């Protein structure tokens, strides 16, 4: 027999807000009450109710851990991690309401239970052994917010703890808030204001590919939008590192201009110029990152099947590369601990 413990907000990490229903909590990656201010409803808001990077964090000596959810139509992948280690993976099947993980390590462990990056979940309870203890220790890890497109949402990752942001965060001991929204990374002012108002020790902005695909910003507006977003973030985060990252490789889009005249090569130049202008005006903690340093043409054949999105192995490699190329130089304290 297992005991059932109702999940509360103290256990939830990686969410911006929580919707409360009949015995369940639903994580959102936008402010739930203000979601009407983040159109389109079937675009940005729809991606924000998916649980990319969302997890339960708690400390227990139970060797059996389960999670109970309100049943949904699609499968929900679930991972259990301890620090950098992926301990177990499972799936809540369509129509089911729970998954159990057995034979977890002995002794007290701080665990994180991650939910599918493209899943909409309504979480009810933890399931633990009858005599097991449970606590929610303070999370003192540096807080990292990352913003981006489907390449940060990572729909093709092997499992929720193996998206590239989750991989990098686990490797370097960071508290992750993943704001990867498939198709919806267009540098809206409301998103910039939301990120500005969240606690953060490090922010990364992976910009360009959705703007290129939708032609939503032009050569006249793309560079000013980057500068404006960073300056909005600086209103409440004046001193933390901000990494501004240009697109990874995508062969069909490298030289071909979109409907407003932007190619990926042109976008990389625009990103670099925007960062330089910010630096020239005294922002010594804004850093430009060439997306090709994270994923370049050498990985195309094995890890970029649609010539746009990495596959599961590609996301694993990209997370490791991000830890080395971006986190290690910008957060050397995190690198030294792992």
C-alpha atoms as a PDB file:
ATOM      1  CA  UNK A   1       0.000   0.000   0.000  1.00  0.00           C
ATOM      2  CA  UNK A   2       1.138   3.522  -0.841  1.00  0.00           C
ATOM      3  CA  UNK A   3       0.093   6.777   0.752  1.00  0.00           C
ATOM      4  CA  UNK A   4      -1.290   9.660  -1.265  1.00  0.00           C
ATOM      5  CA  UNK A   5       0.010  13.183  -0.679  1.00  0.00           C
ATOM      6  CA  UNK A   6      -1.739  16.082  -2.334  1.00  0.00           C
ATOM      7  CA  UNK A   7       0.644  18.145  -4.485  1.00  0.00           C
ATOM      8  CA  UNK A   8       0.905  21.813  -3.540  1.00  0.00           C
ATOM      9  CA  UNK A   9       2.616  24.854  -4.995  1.00  0.00           C
ATOM     10  CA  UNK A  10       5.716  24.426  -2.811  1.00  0.00           C
ATOM     11  CA  UNK A  11       6.674  21.301  -4.778  1.00  0.00           C
ATOM     12  CA  UNK A  12       6.201  22.810  -8.240  1.00  0.00           C
ATOM     13  CA  UNK A  13       9.211  24.119 -10.158  1.00  0.00           C
ATOM     14  CA  UNK A  14       9.574  25.494 -13.679  1.00  0.00           C
ATOM     15  CA  UNK A  15       6.044  26.913 -13.878  1.00  0.00           C
ATOM     16  CA  UNK A  16       5.231  30.621 -14.140  1.00  0.00           C
ATOM     17  CA  UNK A  17       1.760  30.181 -12.636  1.00  0.00           C
ATOM     18  CA  UNK A  18      -0.674  27.490 -11.499  1.00  0.00           C
ATOM     19  CA  UNK A  19      -4.316  26.920 -12.356  1.00  0.00           C
ATOM     20  CA  UNK A  20      -6.221  25.237  -9.538  1.00  0.00           C
ATOM     21  CA  UNK A  21      -9.100  22.854 -10.195  1.00  0.00           C
ATOM     22  CA  UNK A  22     -11.001  20.113  -8.415  1.00  0.00           C
ATOM     23  CA  UNK A  23      -8.129  18.480  -6.545  1.00  0.00           C
ATOM     24  CA  UNK A  24      -5.496  19.258  -9.164  1.00  0.00           C
ATOM     25  CA  UNK A  25      -2.899  21.867 -10.109  1.00  0.00           C
ATOM     26  CA  UNK A  26      -2.133  22.678 -13.738  1.00  0.00           C
ATOM     27  CA  UNK A  27       1.201  24.380 -14.458  1.00  0.00           C
ATOM     28  CA  UNK A  28       1.341  27.220 -16.968  1.00  0.00           C
ATOM     29  CA  UNK A  29       4.394  28.853 -18.465  1.00  0.00           C
ATOM     30  CA  UNK A  30       2.596  32.200 -18.685  1.00  0.00           C
ATOM     31  CA  UNK A  31       0.578  34.057 -16.035  1.00  0.00           C
ATOM     32  CA  UNK A  32      -2.676  32.053 -16.096  1.00  0.00           C
ATOM     33  CA  UNK A  33      -4.945  34.900 -15.025  1.00  0.00           C
ATOM     34  CA  UNK A  34      -3.469  37.170 -17.723  1.00  0.00           C
ATOM     35  CA  UNK A  35      -3.328  34.607 -20.519  1.00  0.00           C
ATOM     36  CA  UNK A  36      -5.734  36.648 -22.676  1.00  0.00           C
ATOM     37  CA  UNK A  37      -2.968  39.270 -22.920  1.00  0.00           C
ATOM     38  CA  UNK A  38      -0.661  36.752 -24.643  1.00  0.00           C
ATOM     39  CA  UNK A  39      -2.331  36.103 -27.999  1.00  0.00           C
ATOM     40  CA  UNK A  40      -2.749  34.121 -30.115  1.00  0.00           C
ATOM     41  CA  UNK A  41      -4.791  31.831 -27.848  1.00  0.00           C
ATOM     42  CA  UNK A  42      -4.165  28.872 -30.152  1.00  0.00           C
ATOM     43  CA  UNK A  43      -0.465  29.727 -30.442  1.00  0.00           C
ATOM     44  CA  UNK A  44       1.490  31.205 -27.561  1.00  0.00           C
ATOM     45  CA  UNK A  45      -1.088  30.430 -24.867  1.00  0.00           C
ATOM     46  CA  UNK A  46      -1.555  26.888 -26.174  1.00  0.00           C
ATOM     47  CA  UNK A  47       2.193  26.225 -26.002  1.00  0.00           C
ATOM     48  CA  UNK A  48       2.426  27.809 -22.558  1.00  0.00           C
ATOM     49  CA  UNK A  49       0.071  25.235 -21.023  1.00  0.00           C
ATOM     50  CA  UNK A  50       2.487  22.487 -22.096  1.00  0.00           C
ATOM     51  CA  UNK A  51       4.772  21.379 -19.277  1.00  0.00           C
ATOM     52  CA  UNK A  52       8.248  21.829 -20.796  1.00  0.00           C
ATOM     53  CA  UNK A  53      10.717  22.011 -17.907  1.00  0.00           C
ATOM     54  CA  UNK A  54       7.992  21.669 -15.256  1.00  0.00           C
ATOM     55  CA  UNK A  55       8.711  19.282 -12.414  1.00  0.00           C
ATOM     56  CA  UNK A  56       7.913  18.377  -8.830  1.00  0.00           C
ATOM     57  CA  UNK A  57      10.831  18.697  -6.416  1.00  0.00           C
ATOM     58  CA  UNK A  58      10.883  17.068  -2.980  1.00  0.00           C
ATOM     59  CA  UNK A  59      13.020  15.045  -0.575  1.00  0.00           C
ATOM     60  CA  UNK A  60      12.058  11.531   0.476  1.00  0.00           C
ATOM     61  CA  UNK A  61      13.450   8.179   1.551  1.00  0.00           C
ATOM     62  CA  UNK A  62      10.752   6.271  -0.360  1.00  0.00           C
ATOM     63  CA  UNK A  63      12.082   3.737  -2.835  1.00  0.00           C
ATOM     64  CA  UNK A  64       8.739   3.826  -4.653  1.00  0.00           C
ATOM     65  CA  UNK A  65       7.509   7.129  -6.051  1.00  0.00           C
ATOM     66  CA  UNK A  66       4.389   7.634  -8.090  1.00  0.00           C
ATOM     67  CA  UNK A  67       2.474  10.581  -9.454  1.00  0.00           C
ATOM     68  CA  UNK A  68      -1.266  10.851  -9.956  1.00  0.00           C
ATOM     69  CA  UNK A  69      -2.862  13.133 -12.548  1.00  0.00           C
ATOM     70  CA  UNK A  70      -6.305  13.891 -13.900  1.00  0.00           C
ATOM     71  CA  UNK A  71      -6.698  11.584 -16.892  1.00  0.00           C
ATOM     72  CA  UNK A  72      -6.051  13.057 -20.334  1.00  0.00           C
ATOM     73  CA  UNK A  73      -6.408  11.745 -23.862  1.00  0.00           C
ATOM     74  CA  UNK A  74      -2.709  11.609 -24.755  1.00  0.00           C
ATOM     75  CA  UNK A  75       0.255   9.878 -23.123  1.00  0.00           C
ATOM     76  CA  UNK A  76       2.307  11.844 -20.596  1.00  0.00           C
ATOM     77  CA  UNK A  77       6.038  10.972 -20.431  1.00  0.00           C
ATOM     78  CA  UNK A  78       7.496  11.254 -16.925  1.00  0.00           C
ATOM     79  CA  UNK A  79      11.137  11.224 -15.728  1.00  0.00           C
ATOM     80  CA  UNK A  80      12.637  11.001 -12.241  1.00  0.00           C
ATOM     81  CA  UNK A  81      16.031  12.636 -11.674  1.00  0.00           C
ATOM     82  CA  UNK A  82      18.438  13.158  -8.794  1.00  0.00           C
ATOM     83  CA  UNK A  83      20.809  15.974  -9.562  1.00  0.00           C
ATOM     84  CA  UNK A  84      22.386  15.241 -12.926  1.00  0.00           C
ATOM     85  CA  UNK A  85      21.297  11.592 -12.848  1.00  0.00           C
ATOM     86  CA  UNK A  86      18.272  10.305 -14.750  1.00  0.00           C
ATOM     87  CA  UNK A  87      16.975   7.564 -12.441  1.00  0.00           C
ATOM     88  CA  UNK A  88      13.863   6.357 -14.270  1.00  0.00           C
ATOM     89  CA  UNK A  89      11.520   7.079 -17.162  1.00  0.00           C
ATOM     90  CA  UNK A  90       7.909   6.079 -17.658  1.00  0.00           C
ATOM     91  CA  UNK A  91       4.653   7.046 -19.357  1.00  0.00           C
ATOM     92  CA  UNK A  92       1.133   7.662 -18.112  1.00  0.00           C
ATOM     93  CA  UNK A  93      -0.908   6.019 -20.908  1.00  0.00           C
ATOM     94  CA  UNK A  94      -3.966   7.684 -22.463  1.00  0.00           C
ATOM     95  CA  UNK A  95      -6.906   7.433 -20.096  1.00  0.00           C
ATOM     96  CA  UNK A  96      -4.727   6.393 -17.134  1.00  0.00           C
ATOM     97  CA  UNK A  97      -4.104   8.476 -14.038  1.00  0.00           C
ATOM     98  CA  UNK A  98      -0.782   7.427 -12.550  1.00  0.00           C
ATOM     99  CA  UNK A  99       2.695   6.026 -13.031  1.00  0.00           C
ATOM    100  CA  UNK A 100       4.932   4.312 -10.461  1.00  0.00           C
ATOM    101  CA  UNK A 101       8.715   4.141 -10.221  1.00  0.00           C
ATOM    102  CA  UNK A 102      10.189   1.369  -8.082  1.00  0.00           C
ATOM    103  CA  UNK A 103      13.658   0.443  -6.811  1.00  0.00           C
ATOM    104  CA  UNK A 104      14.787   4.035  -6.454  1.00  0.00           C
ATOM    105  CA  UNK A 105      18.037   4.627  -4.517  1.00  0.00           C
ATOM    106  CA  UNK A 106      18.088   3.962  -0.798  1.00  0.00           C
ATOM    107  CA  UNK A 107      18.271   6.755   1.772  1.00  0.00           C
ATOM    108  CA  UNK A 108      16.996  10.298   1.618  1.00  0.00           C
ATOM    109  CA  UNK A 109      17.164  11.803  -1.853  1.00  0.00           C
ATOM    110  CA  UNK A 110      16.104  15.100  -3.359  1.00  0.00           C
ATOM    111  CA  UNK A 111      14.187  14.056  -6.462  1.00  0.00           C
ATOM    112  CA  UNK A 112      12.613  15.859  -9.379  1.00  0.00           C
ATOM    113  CA  UNK A 113       9.698  14.402 -11.346  1.00  0.00           C
ATOM    114  CA  UNK A 114       9.546  15.917 -14.841  1.00  0.00           C
ATOM    115  CA  UNK A 115       6.472  15.948 -17.082  1.00  0.00           C
ATOM    116  CA  UNK A 116       6.271  15.659 -20.869  1.00  0.00           C
ATOM    117  CA  UNK A 117       7.485  18.788 -22.614  1.00  0.00           C
ATOM    118  CA  UNK A 118       4.476  18.835 -24.972  1.00  0.00           C
ATOM    119  CA  UNK A 119       1.973  17.460 -22.423  1.00  0.00           C
ATOM    120  CA  UNK A 120      -0.823  19.367 -20.705  1.00  0.00           C
ATOM    121  CA  UNK A 121      -0.983  17.982 -17.159  1.00  0.00           C
ATOM    122  CA  UNK A 122      -3.279  18.405 -14.195  1.00  0.00           C
ATOM    123  CA  UNK A 123      -1.305  17.034 -11.261  1.00  0.00           C
ATOM    124  CA  UNK A 124      -3.134  15.555  -8.269  1.00  0.00           C
ATOM    125  CA  UNK A 125      -0.792  13.753  -5.887  1.00  0.00           C
ATOM    126  CA  UNK A 126       2.461  12.032  -5.044  1.00  0.00           C
ATOM    127  CA  UNK A 127       2.412   8.364  -4.116  1.00  0.00           C
ATOM    128  CA  UNK A 128       4.997   7.201  -1.567  1.00  0.00           C
ATOM    129  CA  UNK A 129       5.622   4.212   0.655  1.00  0.00           C
ATOM    130  CA  UNK A 130       3.539   4.315   3.841  1.00  0.00           C
ATOM    131  CA  UNK A 131       6.422   4.923   6.250  1.00  0.00           C
ATOM    132  CA  UNK A 132       8.410   7.258   3.986  1.00  0.00           C
ATOM    133  CA  UNK A 133       9.160  10.833   4.904  1.00  0.00           C
ATOM    134  CA  UNK A 134       8.583  13.857   2.710  1.00  0.00           C
ATOM    135  CA  UNK A 135       9.926  17.394   2.809  1.00  0.00           C
ATOM    136  CA  UNK A 136      10.441  20.257   0.373  1.00  0.00           C
ATOM    137  CA  UNK A 137      13.929  21.668   0.971  1.00  0.00           C
ATOM    138  CA  UNK A 138      14.845  25.179  -0.145  1.00  0.00           C
ATOM    139  CA  UNK A 139      16.160  25.279  -3.717  1.00  0.00           C
ATOM    140  CA  UNK A 140      19.282  27.434  -3.669  1.00  0.00           C
ATOM    141  CA  UNK A 141      20.490  26.628  -7.177  1.00  0.00           C
ATOM    142  CA  UNK A 142      21.105  29.585  -9.517  1.00  0.00           C
ATOM    143  CA  UNK A 143      17.911  30.364 -11.421  1.00  0.00           C
ATOM    144  CA  UNK A 144      18.127  30.160 -15.208  1.00  0.00           C
ATOM    145  CA  UNK A 145      15.364  31.331 -17.538  1.00  0.00           C
ATOM    146  CA  UNK A 146      15.678  30.360 -21.191  1.00  0.00           C
ATOM    147  CA  UNK A 147      13.394  31.704 -23.924  1.00  0.00           C
ATOM    148  CA  UNK A 148      13.074  30.325 -27.420  1.00  0.00           C
ATOM    149  CA  UNK A 149      11.207  28.456 -30.142  1.00  0.00           C
ATOM    150  CA  UNK A 150      10.369  24.804 -30.825  1.00  0.00           C
ATOM    151  CA  UNK A 151      14.118  24.157 -30.769  1.00  0.00           C
ATOM    152  CA  UNK A 152      13.989  25.080 -27.064  1.00  0.00           C
ATOM    153  CA  UNK A 153      10.595  23.409 -26.544  1.00  0.00           C
ATOM    154  CA  UNK A 154      12.272  20.202 -27.819  1.00  0.00           C
ATOM    155  CA  UNK A 155       9.305  18.102 -28.893  1.00  0.00           C
ATOM    156  CA  UNK A 156      11.582  15.382 -30.307  1.00  0.00           C
ATOM    157  CA  UNK A 157      13.695  14.987 -27.149  1.00  0.00           C
ATOM    158  CA  UNK A 158      13.895  11.433 -25.814  1.00  0.00           C
ATOM    159  CA  UNK A 159      12.109  12.392 -22.584  1.00  0.00           C
ATOM    160  CA  UNK A 160      11.270  15.508 -20.529  1.00  0.00           C
ATOM    161  CA  UNK A 161      14.543  15.598 -18.576  1.00  0.00           C
ATOM    162  CA  UNK A 162      16.517  15.196 -21.822  1.00  0.00           C
ATOM    163  CA  UNK A 163      15.519  18.381 -23.637  1.00  0.00           C
ATOM    164  CA  UNK A 164      18.595  20.501 -24.233  1.00  0.00           C
ATOM    165  CA  UNK A 165      17.672  23.059 -21.514  1.00  0.00           C
ATOM    166  CA  UNK A 166      16.941  20.283 -18.991  1.00  0.00           C
ATOM    167  CA  UNK A 167      20.168  18.492 -19.872  1.00  0.00           C
ATOM    168  CA  UNK A 168      22.264  21.645 -19.455  1.00  0.00           C
ATOM    169  CA  UNK A 169      20.507  22.564 -16.201  1.00  0.00           C
ATOM    170  CA  UNK A 170      21.021  19.096 -14.705  1.00  0.00           C
ATOM    171  CA  UNK A 171      24.672  18.985 -15.725  1.00  0.00           C
ATOM    172  CA  UNK A 172      25.428  22.352 -14.105  1.00  0.00           C
ATOM    173  CA  UNK A 173      23.048  22.310 -11.156  1.00  0.00           C
ATOM    174  CA  UNK A 174      20.761  25.155 -12.267  1.00  0.00           C
ATOM    175  CA  UNK A 175      17.123  25.811 -11.447  1.00  0.00           C
ATOM    176  CA  UNK A 176      15.452  25.849 -14.882  1.00  0.00           C
ATOM    177  CA  UNK A 177      12.474  27.789 -16.151  1.00  0.00           C
ATOM    178  CA  UNK A 178      12.030  26.805 -19.803  1.00  0.00           C
ATOM    179  CA  UNK A 179      10.105  29.286 -21.922  1.00  0.00           C
ATOM    180  CA  UNK A 180      10.502  27.420 -25.189  1.00  0.00           C
ATOM    181  CA  UNK A 181       7.275  27.930 -27.151  1.00  0.00           C
ATOM    182  CA  UNK A 182       7.028  25.998 -30.406  1.00  0.00           C
ATOM    183  CA  UNK A 183       6.498  28.463 -33.250  1.00  0.00           C
ATOM    184  CA  UNK A 184       5.876  31.362 -30.863  1.00  0.00           C
ATOM    185  CA  UNK A 185       9.230  33.054 -30.193  1.00  0.00           C
ATOM    186  CA  UNK A 186       8.590  36.530 -31.612  1.00  0.00           C
ATOM    187  CA  UNK A 187       9.960  38.769 -28.835  1.00  0.00           C
ATOM    188  CA  UNK A 188       6.553  40.130 -27.789  1.00  0.00           C
ATOM    189  CA  UNK A 189       6.761  42.957 -25.201  1.00  0.00           C
ATOM    190  CA  UNK A 190       4.427  41.054 -22.843  1.00  0.00           C
ATOM    191  CA  UNK A 191       6.810  38.090 -22.826  1.00  0.00           C
ATOM    192  CA  UNK A 192       9.733  40.404 -22.135  1.00  0.00           C
ATOM    193  CA  UNK A 193       7.821  41.960 -19.219  1.00  0.00           C
ATOM    194  CA  UNK A 194       6.976  38.507 -17.839  1.00  0.00           C
ATOM    195  CA  UNK A 195      10.618  37.395 -17.929  1.00  0.00           C
ATOM    196  CA  UNK A 196      11.652  40.705 -16.382  1.00  0.00           C
ATOM    197  CA  UNK A 197       9.375  40.045 -13.410  1.00  0.00           C
ATOM    198  CA  UNK A 198      10.590  36.491 -12.704  1.00  0.00           C
ATOM    199  CA  UNK A 199      13.485  35.745 -10.318  1.00  0.00           C
ATOM    200  CA  UNK A 200      16.645  35.007 -12.291  1.00  0.00           C
ATOM    201  CA  UNK A 201      20.404  34.692 -11.948  1.00  0.00           C
ATOM    202  CA  UNK A 202      20.955  34.034 -15.666  1.00  0.00           C
ATOM    203  CA  UNK A 203      18.781  34.537 -18.764  1.00  0.00           C
ATOM    204  CA  UNK A 204      19.286  33.167 -22.254  1.00  0.00           C
ATOM    205  CA  UNK A 205      17.338  34.304 -25.313  1.00  0.00           C
ATOM    206  CA  UNK A 206      17.513  32.021 -28.334  1.00  0.00           C
ATOM    207  CA  UNK A 207      16.158  34.208 -31.102  1.00  0.00           C
ATOM    208  CA  UNK A 208      15.460  34.218 -34.817  1.00  0.00           C
ATOM    209  CA  UNK A 209      14.119  30.996 -36.286  1.00  0.00           C
ATOM    210  CA  UNK A 210      10.400  31.707 -35.714  1.00  0.00           C
ATOM    211  CA  UNK A 211      10.854  35.288 -36.873  1.00  0.00           C
ATOM    212  CA  UNK A 212      12.469  33.921 -40.029  1.00  0.00           C
ATOM    213  CA  UNK A 213       9.758  31.342 -40.651  1.00  0.00           C
ATOM    214  CA  UNK A 214       6.800  33.670 -40.087  1.00  0.00           C
ATOM    215  CA  UNK A 215       8.493  36.825 -41.456  1.00  0.00           C
ATOM    216  CA  UNK A 216       7.096  38.448 -38.321  1.00  0.00           C
ATOM    217  CA  UNK A 217       9.910  41.006 -38.048  1.00  0.00           C
ATOM    218  CA  UNK A 218      11.813  42.662 -40.863  1.00  0.00           C
ATOM    219  CA  UNK A 219      15.348  44.004 -41.255  1.00  0.00           C
ATOM    220  CA  UNK A 220      13.841  47.285 -40.004  1.00  0.00           C
ATOM    221  CA  UNK A 221      12.386  45.805 -36.781  1.00  0.00           C
ATOM    222  CA  UNK A 222      14.351  42.644 -35.840  1.00  0.00           C
ATOM    223  CA  UNK A 223      17.432  44.347 -34.412  1.00  0.00           C
ATOM    224  CA  UNK A 224      15.449  47.002 -32.488  1.00  0.00           C
ATOM    225  CA  UNK A 225      13.270  44.225 -31.006  1.00  0.00           C
ATOM    226  CA  UNK A 226      16.353  42.441 -29.643  1.00  0.00           C
ATOM    227  CA  UNK A 227      17.684  45.648 -28.094  1.00  0.00           C
ATOM    228  CA  UNK A 228      14.279  46.486 -26.637  1.00  0.00           C
ATOM    229  CA  UNK A 229      13.818  43.045 -25.101  1.00  0.00           C
ATOM    230  CA  UNK A 230      17.189  43.144 -23.370  1.00  0.00           C
ATOM    231  CA  UNK A 231      16.571  46.655 -22.057  1.00  0.00           C
ATOM    232  CA  UNK A 232      13.189  45.599 -20.639  1.00  0.00           C
ATOM    233  CA  UNK A 233      14.888  42.711 -18.822  1.00  0.00           C
ATOM    234  CA  UNK A 234      17.502  45.100 -17.449  1.00  0.00           C
ATOM    235  CA  UNK A 235      14.808  47.117 -15.654  1.00  0.00           C
ATOM    236  CA  UNK A 236      14.780  44.494 -12.878  1.00  0.00           C
ATOM    237  CA  UNK A 237      17.858  42.422 -13.694  1.00  0.00           C
ATOM    238  CA  UNK A 238      20.544  45.088 -14.129  1.00  0.00           C
ATOM    239  CA  UNK A 239      23.609  42.952 -13.425  1.00  0.00           C
ATOM    240  CA  UNK A 240      22.970  39.291 -14.294  1.00  0.00           C
ATOM    241  CA  UNK A 241      24.411  37.603 -17.409  1.00  0.00           C
ATOM    242  CA  UNK A 242      22.103  37.627 -20.427  1.00  0.00           C
ATOM    243  CA  UNK A 243      23.088  35.433 -23.388  1.00  0.00           C
ATOM    244  CA  UNK A 244      21.566  36.408 -26.740  1.00  0.00           C
ATOM    245  CA  UNK A 245      21.799  33.426 -29.077  1.00  0.00           C
ATOM    246  CA  UNK A 246      21.391  33.455 -32.841  1.00  0.00           C
ATOM    247  CA  UNK A 247      19.895  30.528 -34.829  1.00  0.00           C
ATOM    248  CA  UNK A 248      21.500  27.110 -35.062  1.00  0.00           C
ATOM    249  CA  UNK A 249      22.162  25.707 -38.526  1.00  0.00           C
ATOM    250  CA  UNK A 250      19.279  25.074 -40.945  1.00  0.00           C
ATOM    251  CA  UNK A 251      20.574  24.511 -44.490  1.00  0.00           C
ATOM    252  CA  UNK A 252      17.468  25.588 -46.475  1.00  0.00           C
ATOM    253  CA  UNK A 253      17.340  28.880 -44.580  1.00  0.00           C
ATOM    254  CA  UNK A 254      20.998  29.850 -44.409  1.00  0.00           C
ATOM    255  CA  UNK A 255      21.146  31.932 -47.585  1.00  0.00           C
ATOM    256  CA  UNK A 256      17.527  32.001 -48.774  1.00  0.00           C
ATOM    257  CA  UNK A 257      15.805  35.249 -47.823  1.00  0.00           C
ATOM    258  CA  UNK A 258      12.293  35.000 -46.390  1.00  0.00           C
ATOM    259  CA  UNK A 259       9.340  37.170 -47.416  1.00  0.00           C
ATOM    260  CA  UNK A 260      10.851  40.258 -45.772  1.00  0.00           C
ATOM    261  CA  UNK A 261      14.435  39.661 -46.842  1.00  0.00           C
ATOM    262  CA  UNK A 262      15.988  37.912 -43.823  1.00  0.00           C
ATOM    263  CA  UNK A 263      18.093  34.756 -44.051  1.00  0.00           C
ATOM    264  CA  UNK A 264      19.666  32.980 -41.092  1.00  0.00           C
ATOM    265  CA  UNK A 265      23.094  34.327 -42.009  1.00  0.00           C
ATOM    266  CA  UNK A 266      21.676  37.854 -42.035  1.00  0.00           C
ATOM    267  CA  UNK A 267      19.980  37.210 -38.695  1.00  0.00           C
ATOM    268  CA  UNK A 268      23.241  36.136 -37.083  1.00  0.00           C
ATOM    269  CA  UNK A 269      24.779  39.430 -38.184  1.00  0.00           C
ATOM    270  CA  UNK A 270      21.779  41.340 -36.794  1.00  0.00           C
ATOM    271  CA  UNK A 271      22.014  39.571 -33.427  1.00  0.00           C
ATOM    272  CA  UNK A 272      25.749  40.251 -33.181  1.00  0.00           C
ATOM    273  CA  UNK A 273      25.239  43.918 -34.042  1.00  0.00           C
ATOM    274  CA  UNK A 274      22.426  44.332 -31.479  1.00  0.00           C
ATOM    275  CA  UNK A 275      24.613  42.840 -28.747  1.00  0.00           C
ATOM    276  CA  UNK A 276      27.545  45.070 -29.698  1.00  0.00           C
ATOM    277  CA  UNK A 277      25.363  48.179 -29.492  1.00  0.00           C
ATOM    278  CA  UNK A 278      24.223  47.179 -25.999  1.00  0.00           C
ATOM    279  CA  UNK A 279      27.811  46.516 -24.950  1.00  0.00           C
ATOM    280  CA  UNK A 280      28.969  49.821 -26.387  1.00  0.00           C
ATOM    281  CA  UNK A 281      26.375  51.565 -24.205  1.00  0.00           C
ATOM    282  CA  UNK A 282      27.856  49.990 -21.090  1.00  0.00           C
ATOM    283  CA  UNK A 283      26.112  46.631 -20.696  1.00  0.00           C
ATOM    284  CA  UNK A 284      29.051  44.429 -19.778  1.00  0.00           C
ATOM    285  CA  UNK A 285      26.859  41.454 -18.898  1.00  0.00           C
ATOM    286  CA  UNK A 286      25.104  40.944 -22.220  1.00  0.00           C
ATOM    287  CA  UNK A 287      26.819  38.267 -24.291  1.00  0.00           C
ATOM    288  CA  UNK A 288      26.328  37.261 -27.903  1.00  0.00           C
ATOM    289  CA  UNK A 289      26.406  33.540 -28.730  1.00  0.00           C
ATOM    290  CA  UNK A 290      26.636  32.336 -32.325  1.00  0.00           C
ATOM    291  CA  UNK A 291      24.074  29.552 -32.678  1.00  0.00           C
ATOM    292  CA  UNK A 292      26.517  27.627 -34.860  1.00  0.00           C
ATOM    293  CA  UNK A 293      28.704  27.156 -31.784  1.00  0.00           C
ATOM    294  CA  UNK A 294      25.867  25.067 -30.315  1.00  0.00           C
ATOM    295  CA  UNK A 295      24.814  23.112 -33.410  1.00  0.00           C
ATOM    296  CA  UNK A 296      26.556  23.425 -36.758  1.00  0.00           C
ATOM    297  CA  UNK A 297      26.827  21.685 -40.117  1.00  0.00           C
ATOM    298  CA  UNK A 298      28.947  18.840 -38.714  1.00  0.00           C
ATOM    299  CA  UNK A 299      25.875  17.473 -36.901  1.00  0.00           C
ATOM    300  CA  UNK A 300      23.361  17.782 -39.745  1.00  0.00           C
ATOM    301  CA  UNK A 301      23.543  14.265 -41.167  1.00  0.00           C
ATOM    302  CA  UNK A 302      23.075  12.426 -37.884  1.00  0.00           C
ATOM    303  CA  UNK A 303      21.124  14.839 -35.713  1.00  0.00           C
ATOM    304  CA  UNK A 304      19.003  17.227 -37.850  1.00  0.00           C
ATOM    305  CA  UNK A 305      16.532  14.986 -39.720  1.00  0.00           C
ATOM    306  CA  UNK A 306      14.163  17.698 -40.995  1.00  0.00           C
ATOM    307  CA  UNK A 307      16.987  20.228 -41.488  1.00  0.00           C
ATOM    308  CA  UNK A 308      15.431  22.404 -38.776  1.00  0.00           C
ATOM    309  CA  UNK A 309      14.874  20.523 -35.479  1.00  0.00           C
ATOM    310  CA  UNK A 310      17.422  18.280 -33.747  1.00  0.00           C
ATOM    311  CA  UNK A 311      16.411  14.703 -32.971  1.00  0.00           C
ATOM    312  CA  UNK A 312      16.607  13.210 -29.486  1.00  0.00           C
ATOM    313  CA  UNK A 313      20.337  12.524 -29.656  1.00  0.00           C
ATOM    314  CA  UNK A 314      20.868  15.983 -31.131  1.00  0.00           C
ATOM    315  CA  UNK A 315      19.130  17.615 -28.179  1.00  0.00           C
ATOM    316  CA  UNK A 316      21.299  15.609 -25.785  1.00  0.00           C
ATOM    317  CA  UNK A 317      24.430  16.846 -27.535  1.00  0.00           C
ATOM    318  CA  UNK A 318      23.139  20.398 -27.745  1.00  0.00           C
ATOM    319  CA  UNK A 319      22.493  20.470 -23.991  1.00  0.00           C
ATOM    320  CA  UNK A 320      26.033  19.323 -23.281  1.00  0.00           C
ATOM    321  CA  UNK A 321      27.445  21.841 -25.741  1.00  0.00           C
ATOM    322  CA  UNK A 322      25.398  24.655 -24.168  1.00  0.00           C
ATOM    323  CA  UNK A 323      26.754  23.764 -20.729  1.00  0.00           C
ATOM    324  CA  UNK A 324      30.322  23.999 -22.027  1.00  0.00           C
ATOM    325  CA  UNK A 325      30.025  26.943 -24.429  1.00  0.00           C
ATOM    326  CA  UNK A 326      27.594  29.207 -22.563  1.00  0.00           C
ATOM    327  CA  UNK A 327      27.135  28.243 -18.911  1.00  0.00           C
ATOM    328  CA  UNK A 328      30.753  27.496 -18.040  1.00  0.00           C
ATOM    329  CA  UNK A 329      32.146  30.911 -19.057  1.00  0.00           C
ATOM    330  CA  UNK A 330      29.158  32.941 -17.834  1.00  0.00           C
ATOM    331  CA  UNK A 331      28.481  31.088 -14.568  1.00  0.00           C
ATOM    332  CA  UNK A 332      31.877  29.698 -13.551  1.00  0.00           C
ATOM    333  CA  UNK A 333      30.614  28.997 -10.025  1.00  0.00           C
ATOM    334  CA  UNK A 334      28.061  26.530 -11.376  1.00  0.00           C
ATOM    335  CA  UNK A 335      30.689  24.871 -13.541  1.00  0.00           C
ATOM    336  CA  UNK A 336      33.056  24.485 -10.595  1.00  0.00           C
ATOM    337  CA  UNK A 337      30.483  22.531  -8.593  1.00  0.00           C
ATOM    338  CA  UNK A 338      29.777  19.943 -11.282  1.00  0.00           C
END
